[in-house]
Amino acid sequence: MTSVDLAPQELRILVAVADEGGFSAAAARLGATQSAVSHAVRGIERKLGAVLFERGRFGARPTPAGERAAAHARRVLRMLQVLAADVRDAGTGEVCGPLRIAAFRSAALHLLPPALERLTAQHPGIEVTVTVVRELGAGTAGEVAAGRADLGIATLSGPPPAGLVGGVLLREPYSLVHPAGHPDPRALPLVDWAENCGSYTRAWWAAQDWIPAATVNAEDDGAVLSMVGSGLGMAIMPALSLTGAPPAVEITDLGPDRPHRCVGYVTTRELAGTTAVRALIRTLRALGAASPERGKAQLRAV
């Protein structure tokens, strides 16, 4: 197998073209000329032996090979940053540098804030950025795999995707949510949202003959709570989504056979051993072990 020697600047060009969707925009981002960027990409393609971008009036669209190459490039460039930060940390005992997190909405709202408050109090040199990602398709794990995040807070229904490592932080039960004081909440229409029913709930959901098809499909769990509180229906929701639920809604336990959702973290093998990612995982695990009941939907560590 022939080794490929790509310089960091070539990796930056590859990522810029993939991110910006064209040579001109990538050149502006890099402070280079369009011809220099186009020439560099042709050189990268020759080295890799693959066409990385489809060229056209639409710009430059990554091919499947280009998507994979850009993901590897982002991860390599990130590890170069981490190398410098970890070397400095080894000399000072401090944990410093950027830490990029991808999280789905309810985790970003209710799980991450106390974790980041504790993390940055212990390690003020860490510079955190959080991207909220819909947990559909590739979801937060896809952001990590693509090199756009160092760690993702993800819903887990099995082992992490290939090339990633991770672990469970919380196992949260689902509960019935309905307008407070309603005499027969199971008779209400269903309000739902696209991210709600994954493989961890599908079998349970299909076995419940009292659950109708959704008559309202909301954008996210916050909109679902608002609609339920307004009397538009009932919903079946996981514990994180019910943190701080408004008084207009009531939360009812679904019983011992209720479904659960596993919330965990995913990261790359190379980032799992870095000081900043390890510090964040320790903090998340500590908070997960100490999570209190959230209404009647108890959140407990696994």
Foldseek 3Di string as FASTA:
>chain_A
DDDFDDDLVLLLLLLLCAVVVALCRSCVVVVHDSVVSVVSQVVVCVRVVHDQWDDDPRHTHGDPVSLQSNLVSLQVVVVVVLVVQQVVCVVVVARADEAEEEEADLCVVFQVPVLVVVLCVRHVRYHYDYHHWQQPDCTRVVCQSSNNHQKYWHWDPDARPPQKHKDFQKKWFKWKKAFPPDPCQLQWAEEEEDRFDDPQCVVVVVPDPSHDPHPHYDHDLVVRLVCRLVHRHMYIGTLSSLAVRDPRMDTGHPDPPTTIITIMMMGGPVSCPGDSNVSSRVSSNVCQCVFAQRHPIGMHTD
